[in-house]
Protein backbone atom coordinates (compact mmCIF):
# COMPACT_ATOMS: atom_id res chain seq x y z
CA MET A 1 -46.11 -8.23 5.76
CA ALA A 2 -46.85 -9.98 2.55
CA ILE A 3 -43.82 -10.60 0.13
CA SER A 4 -44.02 -12.17 -3.39
CA LYS A 5 -41.40 -12.90 -5.76
CA ASN A 6 -41.29 -11.45 -9.40
CA GLN A 7 -38.62 -11.81 -12.14
CA GLY A 8 -35.02 -12.26 -10.92
CA SER A 9 -35.90 -13.68 -7.81
CA MET A 10 -36.80 -10.33 -6.27
CA ALA A 11 -38.14 -9.81 -3.15
CA LYS A 12 -41.39 -7.39 -3.28
CA PHE A 13 -43.42 -5.70 -0.28
CA LYS A 14 -45.60 -2.96 0.52
CA ALA A 15 -43.13 0.44 1.34
CA PRO A 16 -44.16 0.72 5.11
CA ILE A 17 -45.12 4.37 6.68
CA ILE A 18 -42.11 5.09 9.06
CA GLU A 19 -43.65 6.52 12.25
CA GLU A 20 -41.64 8.34 14.80
CA LYS A 21 -41.00 6.43 18.12
CA SER A 22 -38.18 8.36 19.86
CA ALA A 23 -40.52 10.13 22.13
CA SER A 24 -42.36 7.10 23.60
CA VAL A 25 -39.13 5.09 24.14
CA ASP A 26 -37.10 5.82 27.48
CA ALA A 27 -33.65 6.75 26.61
CA GLY A 28 -32.38 4.70 29.51
CA SER A 29 -34.09 1.53 29.08
CA GLY A 30 -31.53 -0.41 26.90
CA ASN A 31 -27.99 -1.17 27.20
CA ARG A 32 -25.22 1.29 25.90
CA PHE A 33 -22.65 0.01 23.55
CA GLN A 34 -19.65 1.68 22.17
CA LYS A 35 -17.62 -0.48 19.91
CA GLU A 36 -13.82 -1.35 19.76
CA TYR A 37 -11.84 -2.27 16.83
CA GLY A 38 -8.52 -3.58 16.50
CA ARG A 39 -6.31 -5.87 18.45
CA TYR A 40 -3.87 -5.55 21.17
CA LEU A 41 -0.43 -7.09 21.33
CA GLN A 42 -2.04 -10.54 23.60
CA ASP A 43 -4.43 -11.29 20.50
CA PHE A 44 -1.60 -12.19 18.40
CA ASN A 45 -0.36 -15.41 18.79
CA GLN A 46 2.20 -17.25 16.24
CA GLY A 47 0.15 -19.13 13.42
CA ASP A 48 -3.27 -17.71 14.12
CA VAL A 49 -4.82 -16.61 10.64
CA PHE A 50 -7.01 -13.52 10.39
CA ILE A 51 -9.44 -13.76 7.21
CA HIS A 52 -10.05 -9.96 7.27
CA PRO A 53 -13.80 -8.34 6.68
CA ARG A 54 -14.90 -6.85 3.29
CA ALA A 55 -14.03 -7.35 -0.15
CA PHE A 56 -13.25 -4.63 -2.68
CA THR A 57 -14.29 -4.57 -6.27
CA VAL A 58 -11.86 -1.98 -8.14
CA ASP A 59 -13.83 -0.55 -11.11
CA ARG A 60 -12.29 1.29 -14.08
CA SER A 61 -12.86 4.63 -12.80
CA PHE A 62 -10.96 4.10 -9.44
CA ALA A 63 -8.22 2.33 -11.36
CA GLN A 64 -7.45 5.48 -13.66
CA GLU A 65 -8.28 8.01 -10.92
CA TYR A 66 -5.60 6.58 -8.79
CA ALA A 67 -2.83 6.45 -11.62
CA THR A 68 -3.77 10.12 -12.29
CA VAL A 69 -4.09 11.30 -8.99
CA PHE A 70 -0.95 9.53 -7.97
CA HIS A 71 1.13 10.99 -10.74
CA ASP A 72 1.96 7.68 -12.59
CA ALA A 73 3.12 7.81 -15.91
CA CYS A 74 3.28 4.08 -17.30
CA PRO A 75 0.34 3.81 -19.71
CA LEU A 76 -0.23 0.67 -18.62
CA PHE A 77 -2.43 2.17 -16.00
CA LEU A 78 -3.98 4.70 -17.95
CA SER A 79 -4.85 3.30 -21.48
CA ALA A 80 -6.30 -0.01 -22.12
CA PRO A 81 -5.41 -0.25 -26.16
CA TYR A 82 -1.93 0.37 -24.74
CA ALA A 83 -2.07 -2.41 -22.07
CA GLN A 84 -3.79 -4.46 -24.69
CA ALA A 85 -1.03 -4.03 -27.23
CA HIS A 86 1.15 -5.52 -24.27
CA GLY A 87 -0.56 -8.59 -24.23
CA PHE A 88 -2.78 -7.54 -21.18
CA SER A 89 -6.59 -8.16 -21.44
CA ASP A 90 -7.31 -4.64 -20.33
CA LEU A 91 -5.25 -1.66 -18.62
CA LEU A 92 -3.90 -2.96 -15.11
CA VAL A 93 -4.91 -1.69 -11.84
CA HIS A 94 -1.76 -0.07 -10.42
CA PRO A 95 0.36 -2.31 -8.13
CA LEU A 96 0.60 0.20 -5.34
CA GLN A 97 -3.01 0.57 -5.66
CA VAL A 98 -3.62 -3.18 -4.89
CA PHE A 99 -0.92 -3.03 -2.07
CA ASN A 100 -2.66 -0.02 -0.65
CA ILE A 101 -6.26 -1.97 -0.63
CA VAL A 102 -4.59 -5.31 0.56
CA LEU A 103 -3.11 -3.39 3.54
CA SER A 104 -6.17 -1.25 3.95
CA LEU A 105 -8.29 -4.51 4.39
CA GLY A 106 -5.70 -5.68 7.00
CA VAL A 107 -6.21 -2.68 9.47
CA GLN A 108 -9.00 -3.79 11.43
CA ASN A 109 -7.41 -7.08 12.56
CA ASN A 110 -3.73 -6.30 12.33
CA SER A 111 -2.99 -2.72 12.77
CA GLU A 112 -6.11 -0.27 14.33
CA LYS A 113 -4.72 -0.23 17.81
CA ALA A 114 -0.97 0.23 16.51
CA ILE A 115 1.41 2.88 17.70
CA ALA A 116 3.57 2.73 14.36
CA ASN A 117 3.95 0.72 11.48
CA LEU A 118 7.48 -0.57 11.66
CA GLY A 119 8.38 -1.65 7.91
CA TYR A 120 7.04 -3.43 4.71
CA TYR A 121 9.00 -6.57 3.51
CA ASN A 122 9.23 -8.83 0.58
CA VAL A 123 6.47 -7.53 -1.28
CA GLN A 124 5.69 -9.51 -4.45
CA PHE A 125 3.00 -8.83 -7.22
CA LEU A 126 2.26 -12.03 -8.47
CA ARG A 127 -0.58 -11.91 -11.17
CA PRO A 128 -2.12 -8.67 -12.76
CA VAL A 129 -5.28 -7.07 -11.24
CA TYR A 130 -7.95 -5.57 -13.84
CA PRO A 131 -10.97 -3.48 -13.51
CA GLY A 132 -13.73 -5.34 -12.20
CA ASP A 133 -11.84 -7.56 -10.45
CA THR A 134 -12.63 -8.24 -6.31
CA ILE A 135 -9.67 -8.27 -3.57
CA THR A 136 -9.83 -9.89 -0.53
CA ALA A 137 -7.14 -10.45 1.98
CA ARG A 138 -5.94 -12.52 4.92
CA SER A 139 -2.81 -12.65 7.20
CA ARG A 140 -0.69 -15.18 9.29
CA VAL A 141 1.05 -14.16 12.43
CA LEU A 142 4.79 -15.23 11.72
CA ASP A 143 6.10 -14.06 15.29
CA ARG A 144 5.18 -11.43 18.49
CA LYS A 145 8.05 -9.81 20.39
CA GLU A 146 7.15 -8.82 23.60
CA ARG A 147 9.35 -5.74 25.08
CA GLY A 148 8.47 -6.04 28.65
CA GLU A 149 5.68 -5.47 31.14
CA GLY A 150 3.27 -2.68 29.85
CA LYS A 151 5.35 -1.82 27.00
CA PRO A 152 4.29 -1.98 23.30
CA GLY A 153 5.65 -5.24 21.43
CA ILE A 154 6.13 -6.08 17.57
CA VAL A 155 4.00 -8.31 15.82
CA HIS A 156 5.28 -9.50 12.21
CA VAL A 157 2.52 -10.55 10.17
CA LYS A 158 2.31 -12.14 6.56
CA THR A 159 -0.44 -10.88 4.16
CA LEU A 160 -2.12 -12.38 1.14
CA GLY A 161 -4.18 -10.58 -1.37
CA MET A 162 -6.35 -12.60 -3.36
CA ASN A 163 -8.71 -11.78 -6.54
CA GLN A 164 -12.12 -13.56 -6.99
CA LYS A 165 -10.62 -16.94 -8.20
CA GLY A 166 -8.92 -17.10 -5.09
CA GLU A 167 -5.72 -16.60 -7.11
CA ILE A 168 -2.85 -14.89 -4.91
CA VAL A 169 -2.14 -11.46 -6.68
CA ILE A 170 0.36 -10.09 -3.74
CA GLN A 171 1.89 -11.43 -0.95
CA TYR A 172 4.21 -9.34 1.57
CA GLU A 173 5.17 -9.22 5.32
CA ARG A 174 4.93 -6.37 7.49
CA LYS A 175 6.07 -5.62 11.05
CA ILE A 176 3.65 -3.43 13.40
CA MET A 177 4.42 -1.72 17.01
CA ILE A 178 1.72 -2.76 18.89
CA PRO A 179 0.10 -1.78 22.57
CA PRO A 180 -0.53 -4.34 25.37
CA ARG A 181 -3.97 -4.55 26.72
CA LYS A 182 -4.27 -2.81 30.26
CA GLY A 183 -6.27 -4.89 32.62
CA ASP A 184 -8.28 -7.85 31.90
CA GLY A 185 -10.04 -8.26 28.69
CA ALA A 186 -11.22 -11.23 26.56
CA SER A 187 -8.75 -12.41 23.87
CA GLN A 188 -9.30 -11.84 20.33
CA GLY A 189 -7.23 -14.35 18.44
CA GLY A 190 -7.28 -15.77 14.85
CA ASP A 191 -8.04 -19.20 13.89
CA PRO A 192 -5.04 -20.89 13.39
CA LYS A 193 -6.48 -23.58 11.13
CA ALA A 194 -8.05 -21.22 8.82
CA PRO A 195 -6.69 -21.59 4.96
CA PHE A 196 -3.61 -19.57 4.23
CA PRO A 197 -2.48 -20.51 0.69
CA GLU A 198 0.89 -18.37 0.50
CA VAL A 199 3.31 -19.25 -2.19
CA ASN A 200 6.60 -20.20 -0.98
CA ASP A 201 7.99 -20.68 -4.44
CA PRO A 202 6.06 -17.92 -5.87
CA GLN A 203 5.93 -17.25 -9.88
CA VAL A 204 4.94 -14.25 -11.88
CA GLU A 205 2.27 -14.54 -14.42
CA LEU A 206 2.50 -12.22 -17.21
CA PRO A 207 1.73 -12.35 -21.11
CA ASP A 208 4.80 -12.50 -23.50
CA LEU A 209 5.64 -9.24 -24.79
CA PRO A 210 4.57 -9.04 -28.38
CA LYS A 211 5.94 -6.61 -31.09
CA LEU A 212 5.09 -3.67 -30.61
CA SER A 213 3.63 -1.14 -33.47
CA SER A 214 5.30 2.71 -33.73
CA ASP A 215 2.18 4.34 -32.58
CA VAL A 216 2.59 2.34 -29.30
CA ILE A 217 6.07 2.79 -29.10
CA SER A 218 5.59 6.69 -29.65
CA GLN A 219 3.39 6.71 -26.50
CA THR A 220 6.29 6.71 -24.08
CA GLY A 221 9.64 8.67 -23.78
CA SER A 222 12.80 7.61 -25.59
CA ASP A 223 15.00 7.84 -22.65
CA THR A 224 13.20 5.74 -20.32
CA TYR A 225 14.10 2.37 -21.65
CA PHE A 226 16.44 -0.73 -19.99
CA GLU A 227 19.61 0.54 -21.84
CA ASN A 228 19.33 4.28 -20.32
CA PHE A 229 19.99 3.18 -16.88
CA SER A 230 23.63 2.73 -15.64
CA VAL A 231 24.65 1.33 -12.53
CA GLY A 232 25.44 4.13 -10.05
CA ASP A 233 22.97 6.43 -11.62
CA ILE A 234 20.95 9.26 -9.25
CA TYR A 235 17.81 10.33 -10.48
CA ILE A 236 16.72 13.55 -8.60
CA HIS A 237 12.75 13.68 -9.55
CA LYS A 238 12.26 17.36 -10.38
CA ASN A 239 8.48 17.25 -9.28
CA MET A 240 7.10 17.31 -5.81
CA ARG A 241 3.77 17.16 -4.31
CA THR A 242 2.07 19.29 -1.75
CA ILE A 243 -0.21 16.91 0.36
CA THR A 244 -3.53 18.32 1.19
CA ASP A 245 -6.38 17.74 3.21
CA GLU A 246 -7.43 14.90 0.30
CA HIS A 247 -5.44 12.27 2.07
CA VAL A 248 -8.45 11.93 4.95
CA PRO A 249 -10.89 10.34 1.91
CA TRP A 250 -8.05 8.71 0.35
CA THR A 251 -7.25 6.83 3.23
CA TYR A 252 -10.85 5.53 3.63
CA ARG A 253 -11.14 4.87 -0.26
CA MET A 254 -8.44 2.47 0.15
CA GLY A 255 -10.43 1.05 3.10
CA ASN A 256 -7.91 1.88 6.05
CA THR A 257 -9.89 2.42 9.19
CA HIS A 258 -7.15 3.47 11.43
CA PRO A 259 -8.31 6.94 13.11
CA LEU A 260 -5.03 8.43 13.22
CA HIS A 261 -5.36 9.14 9.76
CA TYR A 262 -8.58 10.92 9.73
CA ASP A 263 -9.96 11.60 13.11
CA ARG A 264 -8.28 14.91 14.62
CA LEU A 265 -9.48 14.48 18.13
CA TYR A 266 -8.11 10.98 18.27
CA SER A 267 -4.86 12.11 16.87
CA GLN A 268 -4.54 14.98 19.39
CA SER A 269 -4.74 12.92 21.96
CA LEU A 270 -1.98 10.83 21.45
CA SER A 271 1.64 11.59 23.05
CA GLY A 272 4.99 11.71 21.11
CA PRO A 273 5.83 12.36 17.63
CA MET A 274 2.42 11.30 16.12
CA SER A 275 0.39 13.78 17.97
CA GLY A 276 -1.32 16.45 16.70
CA GLU A 277 -2.77 16.69 13.06
CA PRO A 278 -4.03 13.08 11.35
CA ILE A 279 -0.83 11.61 10.01
CA VAL A 280 -1.02 10.98 6.40
CA TYR A 281 -1.07 7.20 5.84
CA GLY A 282 1.87 5.87 4.69
CA GLY A 283 0.67 4.13 1.55
CA LEU A 284 -0.42 6.98 0.48
CA VAL A 285 2.70 8.50 0.72
CA PHE A 286 4.46 5.60 -0.80
CA GLY A 287 2.08 5.87 -3.77
CA TRP A 288 2.80 9.91 -4.76
CA LEU A 289 6.36 9.37 -4.20
CA SER A 290 6.68 6.43 -6.75
CA GLY A 291 4.37 8.19 -9.25
CA MET A 292 6.45 11.27 -9.36
CA ALA A 293 9.33 9.34 -10.11
CA SER A 294 7.48 7.35 -12.85
CA ARG A 295 8.44 9.88 -15.85
CA ASP A 296 12.33 9.19 -15.31
CA ILE A 297 12.09 5.53 -14.06
CA SER A 298 9.22 3.39 -14.85
CA GLU A 299 7.47 4.84 -17.83
CA ASN A 300 8.18 2.09 -19.87
CA MET A 301 7.75 -0.45 -17.02
CA LEU A 302 6.00 -3.86 -17.69
CA TRP A 303 5.75 -5.11 -14.39
CA ASP A 304 6.42 -4.17 -10.51
CA LEU A 305 8.27 -7.13 -9.59
CA GLY A 306 8.03 -6.07 -5.95
CA TYR A 307 10.08 -4.54 -3.05
CA THR A 308 12.61 -5.46 -0.32
CA GLU A 309 12.23 -4.11 3.22
CA GLY A 310 11.38 -0.50 3.45
CA TYR A 311 10.69 2.07 6.25
CA HIS A 312 8.60 5.58 6.63
CA THR A 313 11.59 7.11 8.77
CA GLN A 314 9.28 10.36 9.35
CA PRO A 315 5.28 11.03 9.14
CA ALA A 316 3.87 13.55 6.82
CA ILE A 317 0.74 15.38 7.48
CA SER A 318 -1.29 17.87 5.41
CA GLY A 319 0.65 20.79 3.86
CA ASP A 320 3.89 18.57 4.00
CA THR A 321 5.31 18.75 0.22
CA VAL A 322 7.23 15.41 -0.77
CA GLY A 323 9.67 14.29 -3.33
CA SER A 324 11.79 11.33 -4.41
CA ILE A 325 15.03 10.36 -5.79
CA THR A 326 16.06 7.08 -7.30
CA ARG A 327 19.35 5.34 -7.43
CA ILE A 328 20.13 2.73 -9.91
CA LEU A 329 21.75 -0.22 -8.03
CA ALA A 330 21.83 -3.10 -10.57
CA LEU A 331 20.75 -4.28 -13.89
CA GLU A 332 20.29 -7.72 -15.46
CA ASP A 333 18.36 -9.34 -18.25
CA GLY A 334 14.94 -9.96 -17.78
CA PRO A 335 12.71 -13.30 -18.05
CA MET A 336 11.21 -12.64 -21.54
CA ALA A 337 12.54 -11.39 -24.75
CA GLY A 338 12.86 -7.62 -25.17
CA THR A 339 13.08 -7.24 -21.40
CA GLY A 340 15.42 -6.20 -18.53
CA VAL A 341 15.22 -6.18 -14.63
CA ILE A 342 16.16 -2.68 -12.62
CA HIS A 343 17.06 -2.90 -9.30
CA ALA A 344 16.80 0.68 -7.50
CA GLN A 345 17.04 2.14 -4.41
CA PHE A 346 14.14 4.73 -3.54
CA ILE A 347 14.36 7.23 -1.20
CA GLY A 348 11.19 10.01 -0.21
CA VAL A 349 11.91 13.39 1.40
CA LYS A 350 9.71 16.13 2.38
CA ASN A 351 9.59 20.02 2.72
CA GLN A 352 12.92 20.24 0.96
CA ARG A 353 14.28 19.87 -2.46
CA PRO A 354 15.45 16.54 -3.52
CA ALA A 355 18.52 17.98 -4.84
CA GLU A 356 19.11 20.26 -1.98
CA VAL A 357 18.81 16.99 0.49
CA LEU A 358 21.37 15.26 -1.76
CA ASP A 359 23.91 17.94 -1.75
CA GLU A 360 23.63 18.63 2.20
CA HIS A 361 24.31 14.86 2.83
CA GLY A 362 25.72 13.15 0.20
CA ALA A 363 25.91 9.26 0.62
CA ASP A 364 24.70 9.24 3.89
CA LEU A 365 21.40 10.08 2.20
CA PHE A 366 21.13 6.44 1.13
CA ILE A 367 22.12 4.67 4.66
CA LYS A 368 19.57 3.06 6.33
CA GLU A 369 18.08 5.69 9.11
CA ASN A 370 18.03 2.71 11.91
CA ASP A 371 21.73 2.28 10.91
CA LYS A 372 22.68 5.62 11.66
CA LYS A 373 23.13 5.37 15.21
CA ASN A 374 25.36 2.53 15.10
CA LEU A 375 27.58 4.18 12.52
CA GLY A 376 27.84 7.33 14.71
CA LYS A 377 25.85 9.33 12.06
CA GLU A 378 22.90 11.61 12.70
CA LYS A 379 19.26 10.81 11.14
CA ILE A 380 18.10 13.17 8.51
CA PRO A 381 15.10 14.99 9.33
CA ALA A 382 13.84 15.79 5.89
CA LYS A 383 13.93 11.95 4.92
CA ILE A 384 10.75 10.24 5.11
CA PHE A 385 10.99 6.74 3.06
CA GLU A 386 13.43 4.43 2.08
CA ILE A 387 12.98 1.22 0.22
CA GLU A 388 14.56 -1.06 -2.65
CA ARG A 389 12.42 -2.10 -5.68
CA LYS A 390 12.86 -4.38 -8.65
CA ILE A 391 11.15 -3.33 -12.13
CA LEU A 392 10.73 -5.36 -15.34
CA ILE A 393 11.18 -2.79 -18.12
CA LYS A 394 11.10 -2.94 -21.89
CA LYS A 395 14.65 -2.93 -23.95
CA ARG A 396 14.97 -0.32 -26.75
CA PRO A 397 12.51 -1.61 -29.68
CA SER A 398 14.84 -2.75 -32.51
């Protein structure tokens, strides 16, 4: 087949006529393949690095769609002029969208065989991501804890998300419950010599906050500035969100390849609490809970500084209705003039009004579910998520 080159170094060749050949090829003449993806417990060795396949360019429409579908009220993710007025070069890709993409890119190596995601730890957003940026991810195994022969173990990984310049935009840790391989099988370990440029003393890179015009100030509410919050305040976020089968395409839109979230035959083949309908990918639940809190808490946010350890304490499925509660834990002056930092506890519930859950359980709602047994307390069935977060927020303009 002759190939010629035209302008722009594009290959040009005659389009072939496609002939049917299936009837002339014996269906039993070749090998049969059914590839497996994901890794078993034995495939994780301390120090191994996995450079995750695929890269993800986030375009403008996808960034804005995430912010609207997940109910976020902060204009940094919705309006380019608003973001530019605050010193950014464009509207921002939502930090939890970045988190979801980076985590999802890592699923094939880290958790496609996982039984459960046990928690997120030390999530730090270090640089803005803008529409048009391309995200890649890599993970390093920090620890593998075995729990006895034939039993699933716990794998602890640290993951980096990087932009097209090789700059780290997010880093976090994750613990995952992974089953062991049954019988013999080739190990699929990572490469301990692969580069892993984690930041041990991370610095957040943000523009200085300029003086804002009155028309920019008027684009957010007047009661969500730093001065409006007090330690001990509890915000019961009014709106809830019924999750529909939309979660299935959104799982793959983030790049998550775990069949538990979109394959009913797979999920029904399991035993235990994850058996039945496909489980909503937890990062999406996290996003919806955060978005529904944004009008009360983060409308005047400048940056999501990150999260401590957090847990999905119950799964969600299509048809569940989720809502959230925020408790203010600490306040401090921010690192830039005109800013403050809010440290808050963030709780998610399902299929019951947040106010009703709080009235029923009171202070017990804010105790970690994994600590309940040692305290002689019952876990709360309606509680589905718990984490602490820090937000950089504007002080009231003078």
